[in-house]
Amino acid sequence: EGLARIVRRFCEDGEQMVARIAGAVEDGVEGDALHALCHEAAGVMAVLGAVRLRTHLSHAENLCREGALDEARRLLRDRTAPLWQQTRDAVIGLVNRA
């Protein structure tokens, strides 16, 4: 029951994170704000061991830092949701097998 609650919270928080990133990209937020959002999200994924998603978010964070905002936005728009889906499905699959 405790693990299920943790996974449920992870899924809820992840969905919110993906929505925040999508909204930021759509709204064309400034580089510093997008950088901070990527940094926050990458940190959460690192704590949870979601390596591929963390790497993706860290790459977008670096692009923001370098001023390559169009590339960062494209990357976030095109890859964040699919990587989140893969991460979420993998976590749920592990819990279901346990």
N, C-alpha and C. Protein backbone atom coordinates (compact mmCIF):
# COMPACT_ATOMS: atom_id res chain seq x y z
N GLU A 1 0.83 -1.20 0.00
CA GLU A 1 0.00 0.00 0.00
C GLU A 1 0.87 1.26 0.00
N GLY A 2 1.95 1.27 0.76
CA GLY A 2 2.85 2.43 0.80
C GLY A 2 3.51 2.68 -0.54
N LEU A 3 3.97 1.60 -1.19
CA LEU A 3 4.60 1.74 -2.50
C LEU A 3 3.60 2.25 -3.53
N ALA A 4 2.40 1.74 -3.48
CA ALA A 4 1.37 2.20 -4.41
C ALA A 4 1.11 3.69 -4.25
N ARG A 5 1.12 4.16 -3.03
CA ARG A 5 0.89 5.59 -2.76
C ARG A 5 2.06 6.42 -3.34
N ILE A 6 3.28 5.93 -3.16
CA ILE A 6 4.44 6.64 -3.68
C ILE A 6 4.38 6.71 -5.21
N VAL A 7 4.05 5.60 -5.84
CA VAL A 7 3.97 5.56 -7.30
C VAL A 7 2.84 6.46 -7.80
N ARG A 8 1.73 6.44 -7.12
CA ARG A 8 0.60 7.30 -7.49
C ARG A 8 1.03 8.77 -7.42
N ARG A 9 1.73 9.14 -6.36
CA ARG A 9 2.19 10.52 -6.20
C ARG A 9 3.21 10.87 -7.29
N PHE A 10 4.12 9.93 -7.58
CA PHE A 10 5.10 10.12 -8.65
C PHE A 10 4.40 10.40 -9.97
N CYS A 11 3.37 9.62 -10.27
CA CYS A 11 2.63 9.79 -11.52
C CYS A 11 1.92 11.14 -11.56
N GLU A 12 1.30 11.51 -10.47
CA GLU A 12 0.61 12.80 -10.40
C GLU A 12 1.59 13.95 -10.57
N ASP A 13 2.69 13.90 -9.84
CA ASP A 13 3.70 14.96 -9.92
C ASP A 13 4.32 15.02 -11.32
N GLY A 14 4.56 13.86 -11.90
CA GLY A 14 5.13 13.82 -13.24
C GLY A 14 4.21 14.42 -14.27
N GLU A 15 2.93 14.11 -14.17
CA GLU A 15 1.94 14.69 -15.10
C GLU A 15 1.92 16.21 -14.97
N GLN A 16 1.98 16.70 -13.75
CA GLN A 16 1.99 18.14 -13.53
C GLN A 16 3.26 18.77 -14.11
N MET A 17 4.38 18.09 -13.92
CA MET A 17 5.65 18.58 -14.45
C MET A 17 5.59 18.69 -15.97
N VAL A 18 5.10 17.64 -16.62
CA VAL A 18 5.02 17.64 -18.08
C VAL A 18 4.08 18.76 -18.55
N ALA A 19 2.98 18.95 -17.84
CA ALA A 19 2.04 20.02 -18.20
C ALA A 19 2.68 21.40 -18.02
N ARG A 20 3.45 21.57 -16.95
CA ARG A 20 4.13 22.85 -16.72
C ARG A 20 5.14 23.13 -17.82
N ILE A 21 5.88 22.11 -18.21
CA ILE A 21 6.87 22.29 -19.27
C ILE A 21 6.17 22.61 -20.59
N ALA A 22 5.12 21.87 -20.91
CA ALA A 22 4.39 22.13 -22.15
C ALA A 22 3.82 23.55 -22.16
N GLY A 23 3.28 23.98 -21.03
CA GLY A 23 2.74 25.33 -20.94
C GLY A 23 3.81 26.39 -21.10
N ALA A 24 4.96 26.15 -20.50
CA ALA A 24 6.07 27.10 -20.60
C ALA A 24 6.56 27.21 -22.05
N VAL A 25 6.65 26.08 -22.72
CA VAL A 25 7.09 26.08 -24.12
C VAL A 25 6.06 26.80 -24.98
N GLU A 26 4.80 26.48 -24.77
CA GLU A 26 3.72 27.09 -25.56
C GLU A 26 3.65 28.60 -25.32
N ASP A 27 3.86 29.01 -24.09
CA ASP A 27 3.79 30.44 -23.75
C ASP A 27 5.05 31.20 -24.11
N GLY A 28 6.10 30.48 -24.50
CA GLY A 28 7.34 31.13 -24.87
C GLY A 28 8.03 31.83 -23.71
N VAL A 29 8.03 31.19 -22.55
CA VAL A 29 8.64 31.81 -21.37
C VAL A 29 10.11 32.13 -21.63
N GLU A 30 10.61 33.09 -20.89
CA GLU A 30 11.99 33.53 -21.03
C GLU A 30 12.97 32.41 -20.68
N GLY A 31 14.19 32.57 -21.13
CA GLY A 31 15.22 31.55 -20.95
C GLY A 31 15.50 31.19 -19.51
N ASP A 32 15.57 32.19 -18.63
CA ASP A 32 15.87 31.91 -17.22
C ASP A 32 14.77 31.07 -16.58
N ALA A 33 13.53 31.39 -16.88
CA ALA A 33 12.40 30.65 -16.30
C ALA A 33 12.35 29.23 -16.85
N LEU A 34 12.61 29.08 -18.13
CA LEU A 34 12.61 27.74 -18.74
C LEU A 34 13.79 26.93 -18.19
N HIS A 35 14.92 27.56 -18.05
CA HIS A 35 16.10 26.91 -17.46
C HIS A 35 15.78 26.40 -16.06
N ALA A 36 15.16 27.25 -15.24
CA ALA A 36 14.83 26.87 -13.86
C ALA A 36 13.85 25.70 -13.83
N LEU A 37 12.89 25.72 -14.71
CA LEU A 37 11.91 24.63 -14.76
C LEU A 37 12.58 23.32 -15.16
N CYS A 38 13.44 23.37 -16.15
CA CYS A 38 14.17 22.16 -16.57
C CYS A 38 15.06 21.66 -15.44
N HIS A 39 15.71 22.57 -14.76
CA HIS A 39 16.58 22.19 -13.65
C HIS A 39 15.79 21.50 -12.55
N GLU A 40 14.67 22.07 -12.18
CA GLU A 40 13.81 21.47 -11.15
C GLU A 40 13.35 20.08 -11.56
N ALA A 41 12.85 19.97 -12.79
CA ALA A 41 12.33 18.68 -13.26
C ALA A 41 13.44 17.63 -13.36
N ALA A 42 14.62 18.05 -13.84
CA ALA A 42 15.75 17.11 -13.94
C ALA A 42 16.15 16.61 -12.55
N GLY A 43 16.11 17.49 -11.57
CA GLY A 43 16.44 17.09 -10.20
C GLY A 43 15.49 16.06 -9.66
N VAL A 44 14.21 16.26 -9.90
CA VAL A 44 13.20 15.29 -9.44
C VAL A 44 13.43 13.94 -10.11
N MET A 45 13.69 13.95 -11.40
CA MET A 45 13.90 12.69 -12.12
C MET A 45 15.19 12.01 -11.67
N ALA A 46 16.20 12.79 -11.32
CA ALA A 46 17.45 12.20 -10.83
C ALA A 46 17.23 11.48 -9.51
N VAL A 47 16.48 12.09 -8.62
CA VAL A 47 16.19 11.47 -7.32
C VAL A 47 15.46 10.15 -7.52
N LEU A 48 14.60 10.10 -8.52
CA LEU A 48 13.80 8.91 -8.75
C LEU A 48 14.51 7.88 -9.65
N GLY A 49 15.69 8.23 -10.15
CA GLY A 49 16.43 7.29 -10.98
C GLY A 49 15.94 7.19 -12.41
N ALA A 50 15.20 8.17 -12.87
CA ALA A 50 14.69 8.19 -14.25
C ALA A 50 15.77 8.79 -15.15
N VAL A 51 16.75 7.98 -15.50
CA VAL A 51 17.98 8.46 -16.15
C VAL A 51 17.70 9.09 -17.51
N ARG A 52 16.95 8.43 -18.36
CA ARG A 52 16.72 8.97 -19.71
C ARG A 52 15.99 10.31 -19.67
N LEU A 53 14.98 10.40 -18.83
CA LEU A 53 14.22 11.65 -18.73
C LEU A 53 15.08 12.74 -18.09
N ARG A 54 15.85 12.38 -17.08
CA ARG A 54 16.73 13.36 -16.45
C ARG A 54 17.77 13.88 -17.44
N THR A 55 18.34 12.98 -18.24
CA THR A 55 19.33 13.37 -19.24
C THR A 55 18.71 14.33 -20.25
N HIS A 56 17.52 14.03 -20.70
CA HIS A 56 16.79 14.88 -21.65
C HIS A 56 16.57 16.28 -21.06
N LEU A 57 16.09 16.32 -19.82
CA LEU A 57 15.81 17.61 -19.18
C LEU A 57 17.10 18.38 -18.91
N SER A 58 18.15 17.70 -18.54
CA SER A 58 19.45 18.36 -18.32
C SER A 58 19.98 18.94 -19.63
N HIS A 59 19.79 18.21 -20.72
CA HIS A 59 20.21 18.72 -22.03
C HIS A 59 19.44 19.99 -22.38
N ALA A 60 18.13 19.97 -22.17
CA ALA A 60 17.32 21.17 -22.42
C ALA A 60 17.75 22.32 -21.51
N GLU A 61 18.07 22.01 -20.27
CA GLU A 61 18.56 23.01 -19.32
C GLU A 61 19.84 23.65 -19.85
N ASN A 62 20.76 22.83 -20.33
CA ASN A 62 22.02 23.35 -20.88
C ASN A 62 21.78 24.21 -22.10
N LEU A 63 20.86 23.80 -22.95
CA LEU A 63 20.53 24.61 -24.13
C LEU A 63 20.00 25.98 -23.71
N CYS A 64 19.17 26.01 -22.70
CA CYS A 64 18.66 27.29 -22.19
C CYS A 64 19.81 28.15 -21.68
N ARG A 65 20.70 27.56 -20.94
CA ARG A 65 21.84 28.28 -20.38
C ARG A 65 22.71 28.88 -21.49
N GLU A 66 22.82 28.14 -22.60
CA GLU A 66 23.65 28.59 -23.73
C GLU A 66 22.92 29.57 -24.64
N GLY A 67 21.64 29.81 -24.37
CA GLY A 67 20.87 30.75 -25.19
C GLY A 67 20.22 30.12 -26.41
N ALA A 68 20.26 28.81 -26.53
CA ALA A 68 19.65 28.11 -27.67
C ALA A 68 18.20 27.77 -27.33
N LEU A 69 17.41 28.81 -27.12
CA LEU A 69 16.03 28.62 -26.64
C LEU A 69 15.13 27.93 -27.65
N ASP A 70 15.27 28.26 -28.92
CA ASP A 70 14.44 27.60 -29.93
C ASP A 70 14.69 26.10 -29.94
N GLU A 71 15.95 25.71 -29.86
CA GLU A 71 16.29 24.29 -29.84
C GLU A 71 15.79 23.63 -28.56
N ALA A 72 15.94 24.32 -27.43
CA ALA A 72 15.45 23.78 -26.16
C ALA A 72 13.94 23.59 -26.21
N ARG A 73 13.23 24.58 -26.72
CA ARG A 73 11.76 24.48 -26.81
C ARG A 73 11.34 23.34 -27.72
N ARG A 74 12.02 23.21 -28.86
CA ARG A 74 11.70 22.11 -29.79
C ARG A 74 11.92 20.76 -29.12
N LEU A 75 13.04 20.62 -28.45
CA LEU A 75 13.37 19.37 -27.77
C LEU A 75 12.32 19.06 -26.69
N LEU A 76 11.99 20.06 -25.89
CA LEU A 76 11.01 19.87 -24.82
C LEU A 76 9.64 19.54 -25.39
N ARG A 77 9.26 20.24 -26.45
CA ARG A 77 7.95 20.01 -27.06
C ARG A 77 7.84 18.60 -27.66
N ASP A 78 8.92 18.17 -28.31
CA ASP A 78 8.86 16.91 -29.06
C ASP A 78 9.16 15.67 -28.23
N ARG A 79 9.96 15.80 -27.17
CA ARG A 79 10.44 14.60 -26.49
C ARG A 79 10.00 14.42 -25.04
N THR A 80 9.58 15.49 -24.37
CA THR A 80 9.30 15.37 -22.95
C THR A 80 8.13 14.42 -22.67
N ALA A 81 7.01 14.64 -23.33
CA ALA A 81 5.84 13.79 -23.07
C ALA A 81 6.10 12.32 -23.39
N PRO A 82 6.69 11.99 -24.55
CA PRO A 82 6.97 10.57 -24.81
C PRO A 82 7.93 9.94 -23.80
N LEU A 83 8.96 10.68 -23.41
CA LEU A 83 9.88 10.13 -22.41
C LEU A 83 9.19 9.97 -21.06
N TRP A 84 8.32 10.90 -20.72
CA TRP A 84 7.56 10.77 -19.47
C TRP A 84 6.69 9.52 -19.52
N GLN A 85 6.00 9.30 -20.63
CA GLN A 85 5.14 8.12 -20.78
C GLN A 85 5.95 6.84 -20.58
N GLN A 86 7.13 6.77 -21.21
CA GLN A 86 7.98 5.59 -21.07
C GLN A 86 8.41 5.40 -19.61
N THR A 87 8.78 6.50 -18.96
CA THR A 87 9.21 6.44 -17.57
C THR A 87 8.08 5.98 -16.68
N ARG A 88 6.93 6.58 -16.84
CA ARG A 88 5.76 6.24 -16.02
C ARG A 88 5.38 4.77 -16.24
N ASP A 89 5.33 4.36 -17.48
CA ASP A 89 4.96 2.97 -17.77
C ASP A 89 5.96 1.98 -17.16
N ALA A 90 7.25 2.33 -17.22
CA ALA A 90 8.27 1.45 -16.64
C ALA A 90 8.10 1.34 -15.13
N VAL A 91 7.85 2.46 -14.46
CA VAL A 91 7.67 2.44 -13.00
C VAL A 91 6.43 1.64 -12.63
N ILE A 92 5.35 1.87 -13.32
CA ILE A 92 4.11 1.12 -13.04
C ILE A 92 4.32 -0.37 -13.30
N GLY A 93 5.04 -0.70 -14.37
CA GLY A 93 5.32 -2.09 -14.69
C GLY A 93 6.13 -2.78 -13.58
N LEU A 94 7.11 -2.07 -13.05
CA LEU A 94 7.92 -2.63 -11.97
C LEU A 94 7.07 -2.88 -10.72
N VAL A 95 6.21 -1.95 -10.42
CA VAL A 95 5.36 -2.09 -9.24
C VAL A 95 4.38 -3.24 -9.43
N ASN A 96 3.83 -3.37 -10.60
CA ASN A 96 2.88 -4.45 -10.86
C ASN A 96 3.53 -5.83 -10.78
N ARG A 97 4.83 -5.90 -11.09
CA ARG A 97 5.54 -7.17 -11.02
C ARG A 97 5.97 -7.51 -9.60
N ALA A 98 6.02 -6.49 -8.76
CA ALA A 98 6.50 -6.71 -7.38
C ALA A 98 5.47 -7.43 -6.52
